[in-house]
C-alpha atoms as a PDB file:
ATOM      1  CA  MET A   1     -11.535   8.013   9.864  1.00  0.00           C
ATOM      2  CA  SER A   2     -11.632   5.035  12.251  1.00  0.00           C
ATOM      3  CA  ASP A   3      -9.504   2.213  10.370  1.00  0.00           C
ATOM      4  CA  LYS A   4     -11.616   1.464   7.445  1.00  0.00           C
ATOM      5  CA  HIS A   5     -14.492   3.802   8.397  1.00  0.00           C
ATOM      6  CA  LEU A   6     -15.738   7.064   8.162  1.00  0.00           C
ATOM      7  CA  GLU A   7     -17.569   7.717  11.656  1.00  0.00           C
ATOM      8  CA  VAL A   8     -20.119  10.459  11.800  1.00  0.00           C
ATOM      9  CA  VAL A   9     -21.658  11.911  14.884  1.00  0.00           C
ATOM     10  CA  ILE A  10     -25.165  13.960  14.831  1.00  0.00           C
ATOM     11  CA  ALA A  11     -25.709  16.986  16.856  1.00  0.00           C
ATOM     12  CA  ASP A  12     -27.985  15.973  19.865  1.00  0.00           C
ATOM     13  CA  ASP A  13     -30.766  18.645  18.966  1.00  0.00           C
ATOM     14  CA  ALA A  14     -30.537  17.600  15.321  1.00  0.00           C
ATOM     15  CA  SER A  15     -33.200  15.589  13.701  1.00  0.00           C
ATOM     16  CA  VAL A  16     -31.919  13.353  10.766  1.00  0.00           C
ATOM     17  CA  GLU A  17     -33.297  10.578   8.923  1.00  0.00           C
ATOM     18  CA  PHE A  18     -30.321  10.125   6.397  1.00  0.00           C
ATOM     19  CA  ILE A  19     -26.859  10.975   5.624  1.00  0.00           C
ATOM     20  CA  ASN A  20     -25.605  11.198   2.017  1.00  0.00           C
ATOM     21  CA  LEU A  21     -22.134  11.129   1.467  1.00  0.00           C
ATOM     22  CA  VAL A  22     -21.127  13.035  -1.797  1.00  0.00           C
ATOM     23  CA  ASP A  23     -17.737  12.424  -3.474  1.00  0.00           C
ATOM     24  CA  PRO A  24     -15.306  15.238  -4.868  1.00  0.00           C
ATOM     25  CA  ASP A  25     -16.980  14.678  -8.447  1.00  0.00           C
ATOM     26  CA  GLY A  26     -20.479  15.565  -6.837  1.00  0.00           C
ATOM     27  CA  GLU A  27     -21.760  11.968  -7.300  1.00  0.00           C
ATOM     28  CA  LEU A  28     -23.647  10.319  -4.384  1.00  0.00           C
ATOM     29  CA  TYR A  29     -20.906   7.894  -2.804  1.00  0.00           C
ATOM     30  CA  ASP A  30     -23.352   6.184  -0.223  1.00  0.00           C
ATOM     31  CA  GLN A  31     -26.063   6.959   2.131  1.00  0.00           C
ATOM     32  CA  GLN A  32     -26.858   5.803   5.826  1.00  0.00           C
ATOM     33  CA  ARG A  33     -30.288   5.738   7.456  1.00  0.00           C
ATOM     34  CA  LEU A  34     -30.463   6.597  10.967  1.00  0.00           C
ATOM     35  CA  GLU A  35     -33.288   4.825  12.934  1.00  0.00           C
ATOM     36  CA  GLY A  36     -35.235   6.218  15.887  1.00  0.00           C
ATOM     37  CA  ASP A  37     -32.924   8.152  18.163  1.00  0.00           C
ATOM     38  CA  GLU A  38     -29.538   7.167  16.673  1.00  0.00           C
ATOM     39  CA  THR A  39     -27.076   9.959  16.446  1.00  0.00           C
ATOM     40  CA  GLU A  40     -24.100   7.774  15.325  1.00  0.00           C
ATOM     41  CA  THR A  41     -23.407   6.147  11.817  1.00  0.00           C
ATOM     42  CA  SER A  42     -20.471   5.154   9.708  1.00  0.00           C
ATOM     43  CA  PHE A  43     -19.659   4.769   5.882  1.00  0.00           C
ATOM     44  CA  GLU A  44     -16.889   1.826   4.913  1.00  0.00           C
ATOM     45  CA  ILE A  45     -14.451   3.796   2.964  1.00  0.00           C
ATOM     46  CA  LEU A  46     -11.681   1.101   2.309  1.00  0.00           C
ATOM     47  CA  GLY A  47     -11.879  -2.284   1.277  1.00  0.00           C
ATOM     48  CA  ARG A  48     -15.483  -1.998  -0.003  1.00  0.00           C
ATOM     49  CA  TYR A  49     -14.750  -1.528  -3.363  1.00  0.00           C
ATOM     50  CA  GLU A  50     -11.871  -3.064  -5.637  1.00  0.00           C
ATOM     51  CA  ASP A  51     -11.875   0.384  -7.445  1.00  0.00           C
ATOM     52  CA  ASP A  52      -9.491   3.257  -6.132  1.00  0.00           C
ATOM     53  CA  VAL A  53     -11.399   5.862  -3.674  1.00  0.00           C
ATOM     54  CA  PRO A  54     -11.107   9.323  -5.096  1.00  0.00           C
ATOM     55  CA  THR A  55      -9.204  11.797  -3.119  1.00  0.00           C
ATOM     56  CA  GLY A  56     -10.371  15.262  -2.281  1.00  0.00           C
ATOM     57  CA  ASP A  57     -13.178  16.832  -0.362  1.00  0.00           C
ATOM     58  CA  TYR A  58     -16.351  14.843   0.338  1.00  0.00           C
ATOM     59  CA  GLU A  59     -19.761  16.465   1.409  1.00  0.00           C
ATOM     60  CA  LEU A  60     -21.836  14.852   4.315  1.00  0.00           C
ATOM     61  CA  ILE A  61     -25.513  16.190   3.912  1.00  0.00           C
ATOM     62  CA  ALA A  62     -27.928  15.536   6.761  1.00  0.00           C
ATOM     63  CA  LEU A  63     -31.677  15.227   5.472  1.00  0.00           C
ATOM     64  CA  THR A  64     -35.033  14.788   7.009  1.00  0.00           C
ATOM     65  CA  GLY A  65     -37.225  13.567   4.074  1.00  0.00           C
ATOM     66  CA  ASP A  66     -36.233  15.608   1.275  1.00  0.00           C
ATOM     67  CA  GLU A  67     -35.280  19.004   3.551  1.00  0.00           C
ATOM     68  CA  GLN A  68     -31.695  19.479   4.073  1.00  0.00           C
ATOM     69  CA  VAL A  69     -30.791  19.953   7.516  1.00  0.00           C
ATOM     70  CA  GLY A  70     -27.052  20.542   7.319  1.00  0.00           C
ATOM     71  CA  THR A  71     -23.621  19.914   5.519  1.00  0.00           C
ATOM     72  CA  THR A  72     -20.051  19.672   6.485  1.00  0.00           C
ATOM     73  CA  THR A  73     -16.985  18.731   4.449  1.00  0.00           C
ATOM     74  CA  ILE A  74     -14.306  16.269   5.002  1.00  0.00           C
ATOM     75  CA  SER A  75     -11.061  15.732   3.068  1.00  0.00           C
ATOM     76  CA  LEU A  76     -10.107  12.589   2.168  1.00  0.00           C
ATOM     77  CA  GLU A  77      -6.161  12.537   1.092  1.00  0.00           C
ATOM     78  CA  ALA A  78      -3.663   9.834   1.426  1.00  0.00           C
ATOM     79  CA  ASP A  79      -0.075  10.453   0.021  1.00  0.00           C
ATOM     80  CA  CYS A  80       1.905   7.307   0.076  1.00  0.00           C
ATOM     81  CA  THR A  81       5.704   7.093  -0.400  1.00  0.00           C
ATOM     82  CA  ILE A  82       7.817   4.025  -0.588  1.00  0.00           C
ATOM     83  CA  THR A  83      10.884   5.175   1.857  1.00  0.00           C
ATOM     84  CA  ASP A  84      12.876   2.049   1.969  1.00  0.00           C
ATOM     85  CA  VAL A  85      13.173  -1.535   0.780  1.00  0.00           C
ATOM     86  CA  LEU A  86      14.752  -4.031   3.089  1.00  0.00           C
ATOM     87  CA  TRP A  87      16.436  -7.400   2.312  1.00  0.00           C
ATOM     88  CA  ALA A  88      15.938 -10.083   5.270  1.00  0.00           C
ATOM     89  CA  ALA A  89      19.526 -11.288   4.841  1.00  0.00           C
ATOM     90  CA  GLU A  90      20.835  -8.079   5.441  1.00  0.00           C
ATOM     91  CA  ASN A  91      18.323  -7.188   8.384  1.00  0.00           C
ATOM     92  CA  PRO A  92      17.907 -10.317  10.481  1.00  0.00           C
ATOM     93  CA  ASP A  93      16.630  -8.632  13.501  1.00  0.00           C
ATOM     94  CA  MET A  94      13.335  -7.494  12.059  1.00  0.00           C
ATOM     95  CA  ASP A  95      10.163  -9.037  12.477  1.00  0.00           C
ATOM     96  CA  TRP A  96      10.584 -11.878   9.430  1.00  0.00           C
ATOM     97  CA  ASP A  97       8.551 -15.105   9.407  1.00  0.00           C
ATOM     98  CA  LYS A  98      11.632 -17.252  10.543  1.00  0.00           C
ATOM     99  CA  ASN A  99       9.088 -20.582  10.573  1.00  0.00           C
ATOM    100  CA  SER A 100       9.881 -20.244   6.698  1.00  0.00           C
ATOM    101  CA  PRO A 101      12.986 -21.711   5.409  1.00  0.00           C
ATOM    102  CA  ALA A 102      13.283 -19.094   2.911  1.00  0.00           C
ATOM    103  CA  TRP A 103      12.828 -16.373   5.211  1.00  0.00           C
ATOM    104  CA  GLU A 104      16.293 -14.698   4.498  1.00  0.00           C
ATOM    105  CA  GLU A 105      14.842 -14.236   0.831  1.00  0.00           C
ATOM    106  CA  TYR A 106      12.127 -12.090   2.049  1.00  0.00           C
ATOM    107  CA  ALA A 107      11.766  -8.218   1.556  1.00  0.00           C
ATOM    108  CA  ALA A 108      10.215  -5.487   3.705  1.00  0.00           C
ATOM    109  CA  VAL A 109       8.673  -2.282   2.148  1.00  0.00           C
ATOM    110  CA  VAL A 110       8.437   1.164   4.554  1.00  0.00           C
ATOM    111  CA  ILE A 111       5.896   3.109   3.354  1.00  0.00           C
ATOM    112  CA  GLU A 112       5.100   6.919   4.701  1.00  0.00           C
ATOM    113  CA  ASN A 113       1.742   8.066   4.292  1.00  0.00           C
ATOM    114  CA  THR A 114       1.792  11.866   4.935  1.00  0.00           C
ATOM    115  CA  GLY A 115      -1.952  12.226   4.146  1.00  0.00           C
ATOM    116  CA  THR A 116      -4.745  12.895   6.580  1.00  0.00           C
ATOM    117  CA  VAL A 117      -6.468   9.476   6.476  1.00  0.00           C
ATOM    118  CA  PRO A 118      -5.522   5.810   6.031  1.00  0.00           C
ATOM    119  CA  SER A 119      -4.965   4.178   2.596  1.00  0.00           C
ATOM    120  CA  LEU A 120      -5.096   0.383   1.867  1.00  0.00           C
ATOM    121  CA  LEU A 121      -2.538  -1.696   0.544  1.00  0.00           C
ATOM    122  CA  THR A 122      -3.760  -4.459  -1.738  1.00  0.00           C
ATOM    123  CA  GLU A 123      -0.641  -5.593  -3.829  1.00  0.00           C
ATOM    124  CA  LEU A 124       3.296  -5.464  -3.779  1.00  0.00           C
ATOM    125  CA  GLU A 125       4.486  -6.073  -7.419  1.00  0.00           C
ATOM    126  CA  TRP A 126       8.167  -6.508  -7.835  1.00  0.00           C
ATOM    127  CA  ALA A 127       9.214  -5.967 -11.279  1.00  0.00           C
ATOM    128  CA  GLY A 128      12.854  -7.315 -12.036  1.00  0.00           C
ATOM    129  CA  ALA A 129      13.102  -9.111  -8.607  1.00  0.00           C
ATOM    130  CA  PRO A 130      15.845 -11.894  -8.569  1.00  0.00           C
ATOM    131  CA  VAL A 131      12.876 -14.505  -7.725  1.00  0.00           C
ATOM    132  CA  ALA A 132      11.191 -13.225 -11.030  1.00  0.00           C
ATOM    133  CA  ARG A 133      14.373 -13.609 -13.060  1.00  0.00           C
ATOM    134  CA  LEU A 134      14.712 -16.963 -11.136  1.00  0.00           C
ATOM    135  CA  GLN A 135      11.415 -18.084 -12.840  1.00  0.00           C
ATOM    136  CA  SER A 136      11.911 -16.199 -16.161  1.00  0.00           C
ATOM    137  CA  LYS A 137       9.256 -13.752 -15.264  1.00  0.00           C
ATOM    138  CA  GLU A 138       9.042  -9.997 -15.480  1.00  0.00           C
ATOM    139  CA  SER A 139       7.650  -9.595 -12.191  1.00  0.00           C
ATOM    140  CA  GLN A 140       6.300 -11.371  -9.171  1.00  0.00           C
ATOM    141  CA  SER A 141       3.190 -10.014  -6.926  1.00  0.00           C
ATOM    142  CA  TYR A 142       1.944 -10.826  -3.656  1.00  0.00           C
ATOM    143  CA  TYR A 143      -1.264  -9.630  -2.530  1.00  0.00           C
ATOM    144  CA  HIS A 144      -1.942  -7.824   0.700  1.00  0.00           C
ATOM    145  CA  GLU A 145      -4.786  -6.325   2.789  1.00  0.00           C
ATOM    146  CA  THR A 146      -2.961  -3.820   5.148  1.00  0.00           C
ATOM    147  CA  LEU A 147      -3.906  -0.604   6.375  1.00  0.00           C
ATOM    148  CA  LEU A 148      -1.609   2.511   5.696  1.00  0.00           C
ATOM    149  CA  PRO A 149      -2.589   4.922   8.511  1.00  0.00           C
ATOM    150  CA  PRO A 150      -0.609   8.371   8.579  1.00  0.00           C
ATOM    151  CA  GLY A 151       2.760   7.936   9.464  1.00  0.00           C
ATOM    152  CA  GLU A 152       5.042   4.919   8.558  1.00  0.00           C
ATOM    153  CA  THR A 153       4.284   1.356   8.192  1.00  0.00           C
ATOM    154  CA  THR A 154       6.506  -1.673   7.436  1.00  0.00           C
ATOM    155  CA  ILE A 155       5.076  -4.392   5.104  1.00  0.00           C
ATOM    156  CA  TYR A 156       6.777  -7.647   5.046  1.00  0.00           C
ATOM    157  CA  SER A 157       6.318  -9.611   1.761  1.00  0.00           C
ATOM    158  CA  ASN A 158       4.446 -12.888   1.526  1.00  0.00           C
ATOM    159  CA  GLY A 159       7.096 -14.706  -0.330  1.00  0.00           C
ATOM    160  CA  SER A 160      10.654 -14.869  -1.511  1.00  0.00           C
ATOM    161  CA  VAL A 161      11.810 -11.490  -3.579  1.00  0.00           C
ATOM    162  CA  TYR A 162      15.485 -12.085  -3.508  1.00  0.00           C
ATOM    163  CA  ALA A 163      16.010 -15.685  -4.210  1.00  0.00           C
ATOM    164  CA  THR A 164      18.462 -16.968  -6.763  1.00  0.00           C
ATOM    165  CA  ASP A 165      18.282 -20.806  -6.258  1.00  0.00           C
ATOM    166  CA  GLY A 166      15.081 -22.745  -6.838  1.00  0.00           C
ATOM    167  CA  ALA A 167      14.019 -26.210  -6.302  1.00  0.00           C
ATOM    168  CA  VAL A 168      14.621 -27.074 -10.217  1.00  0.00           C
ATOM    169  CA  HIS A 169      17.397 -24.610 -11.181  1.00  0.00           C
ATOM    170  CA  SER A 170      19.756 -21.789 -10.023  1.00  0.00           C
ATOM    171  CA  MET A 171      20.191 -18.432 -11.769  1.00  0.00           C
ATOM    172  CA  ASP A 172      22.926 -18.034 -13.982  1.00  0.00           C
ATOM    173  CA  CYS A 173      24.072 -14.419 -13.573  1.00  0.00           C
ATOM    174  CA  SER A 174      26.873 -14.386 -16.286  1.00  0.00           C
ATOM    175  CA  ASP A 175      25.123 -12.306 -18.289  1.00  0.00           C
ATOM    176  CA  LEU A 176      23.883  -9.894 -15.515  1.00  0.00           C
ATOM    177  CA  GLU A 177      25.358  -6.791 -14.116  1.00  0.00           C
ATOM    178  CA  THR A 178      23.751  -4.068 -12.113  1.00  0.00           C
ATOM    179  CA  GLU A 179      19.985  -4.423 -12.802  1.00  0.00           C
ATOM    180  CA  PRO A 180      16.914  -2.381 -11.358  1.00  0.00           C
ATOM    181  CA  MET A 181      14.124  -4.263  -9.415  1.00  0.00           C
ATOM    182  CA  THR A 182      11.033  -1.904  -8.872  1.00  0.00           C
ATOM    183  CA  VAL A 183       8.672  -2.471  -6.483  1.00  0.00           C
ATOM    184  CA  THR A 184       5.187  -0.786  -6.961  1.00  0.00           C
ATOM    185  CA  ALA A 185       2.575  -0.688  -3.873  1.00  0.00           C
ATOM    186  CA  VAL A 186      -1.024  -0.746  -5.245  1.00  0.00           C
ATOM    187  CA  VAL A 187      -3.038   1.373  -2.582  1.00  0.00           C
ATOM    188  CA  GLN A 188      -6.798   2.136  -2.464  1.00  0.00           C
ATOM    189  CA  VAL A 189      -6.496   6.017  -1.808  1.00  0.00           C
ATOM    190  CA  GLY A 190      -4.020   8.109  -3.759  1.00  0.00           C
ATOM    191  CA  SER A 191      -1.528   7.329  -6.080  1.00  0.00           C
ATOM    192  CA  ASP A 192       0.520   3.958  -6.299  1.00  0.00           C
ATOM    193  CA  PRO A 193       4.175   4.671  -4.912  1.00  0.00           C
ATOM    194  CA  SER A 194       7.305   2.926  -6.266  1.00  0.00           C
ATOM    195  CA  TYR A 195      10.704   2.161  -5.391  1.00  0.00           C
ATOM    196  CA  THR A 196      13.772   1.347  -7.474  1.00  0.00           C
ATOM    197  CA  GLN A 197      16.649  -0.770  -5.948  1.00  0.00           C
ATOM    198  CA  GLN A 198      19.608  -1.345  -7.995  1.00  0.00           C
ATOM    199  CA  ILE A 199      21.090  -4.881  -7.796  1.00  0.00           C
ATOM    200  CA  GLU A 200      24.644  -6.252  -8.627  1.00  0.00           C
ATOM    201  CA  TYR A 201      24.656  -9.497  -9.822  1.00  0.00           C
ATOM    202  CA  GLY A 202      27.995 -11.771  -9.798  1.00  0.00           C
ATOM    203  CA  GLY A 203      29.553 -15.135  -9.214  1.00  0.00           C
ATOM    204  CA  GLY A 204      28.689 -16.433 -12.826  1.00  0.00           C
ATOM    205  CA  GLN A 205      26.551 -19.908 -12.454  1.00  0.00           C
ATOM    206  CA  GLU A 206      26.819 -19.547  -8.688  1.00  0.00           C
ATOM    207  CA  CYS A 207      24.818 -16.434  -8.431  1.00  0.00           C
ATOM    208  CA  GLN A 208      25.537 -13.703  -5.764  1.00  0.00           C
ATOM    209  CA  ILE A 209      23.827 -10.447  -5.352  1.00  0.00           C
ATOM    210  CA  THR A 210      24.450  -7.169  -3.724  1.00  0.00           C
ATOM    211  CA  ILE A 211      22.226  -3.937  -3.184  1.00  0.00           C
ATOM    212  CA  ALA A 212      24.099  -1.089  -4.737  1.00  0.00           C
ATOM    213  CA  GLY A 213      21.471   1.696  -4.362  1.00  0.00           C
ATOM    214  CA  GLY A 214      17.721   2.691  -4.164  1.00  0.00           C
ATOM    215  CA  SER A 215      15.451   5.678  -4.693  1.00  0.00           C
ATOM    216  CA  SER A 216      11.730   6.321  -4.475  1.00  0.00           C
ATOM    217  CA  GLY A 217       9.697   7.258  -7.429  1.00  0.00           C
ATOM    218  CA  ASP A 218      11.947   8.927 -10.284  1.00  0.00           C
ATOM    219  CA  ASP A 219      14.448   9.927  -7.647  1.00  0.00           C
ATOM    220  CA  THR A 220      18.123   9.290  -8.816  1.00  0.00           C
ATOM    221  CA  PRO A 221      19.476   6.242  -6.906  1.00  0.00           C
ATOM    222  CA  SER A 222      22.023   6.718  -4.203  1.00  0.00           C
ATOM    223  CA  VAL A 223      24.717   4.158  -3.803  1.00  0.00           C
ATOM    224  CA  GLY A 224      24.647   2.543  -0.338  1.00  0.00           C
ATOM    225  CA  ASP A 225      20.768   2.699   0.319  1.00  0.00           C
ATOM    226  CA  ASN A 226      19.117  -0.322   1.092  1.00  0.00           C
END
């Protein structure tokens, strides 16, 4: 894999006209034609389709006419986990867009991919976020197109997450105590990971928030985590 593409190199002594890429269900995923003496081609895996890309073993089949010249198998596996969610106000030294007057209300998500190939982040959905409560909504979503290679990647939100003040009104926290905020990362390869952060609301009509803990997926939240 090279970024969003699966790169294929043909042996110099092979005569190949077509390369078929067959998905784990045995269906033809894509086909590439080699012209003349070409020995390299590629398949666009990420960003091409809106649907998720199936994970598992893909088969590359080299053909000359209807004759099969050779095959090989490659495993496309991406396993993404959200390991941390960070509030800009508590982490001012990170790479926030400080040209925005509301940058201290932004959030960053750390995603670890323990798979063998990249995935692609297409959306972050913030259910129960302060900014959603401020707008009387269940969630706030921001769209992304960020490659998630094996290893850790930090993604910065494209707008406010922790806002309690708006242009029209401020949030009244009188009836709120410790409430969950769950961020879900919509990814193209692998399962969509989530992370739940516990937020303490106080201050009544002058709303103040404190992060009390957080956890990935269904793990038990631990107090003091960001």
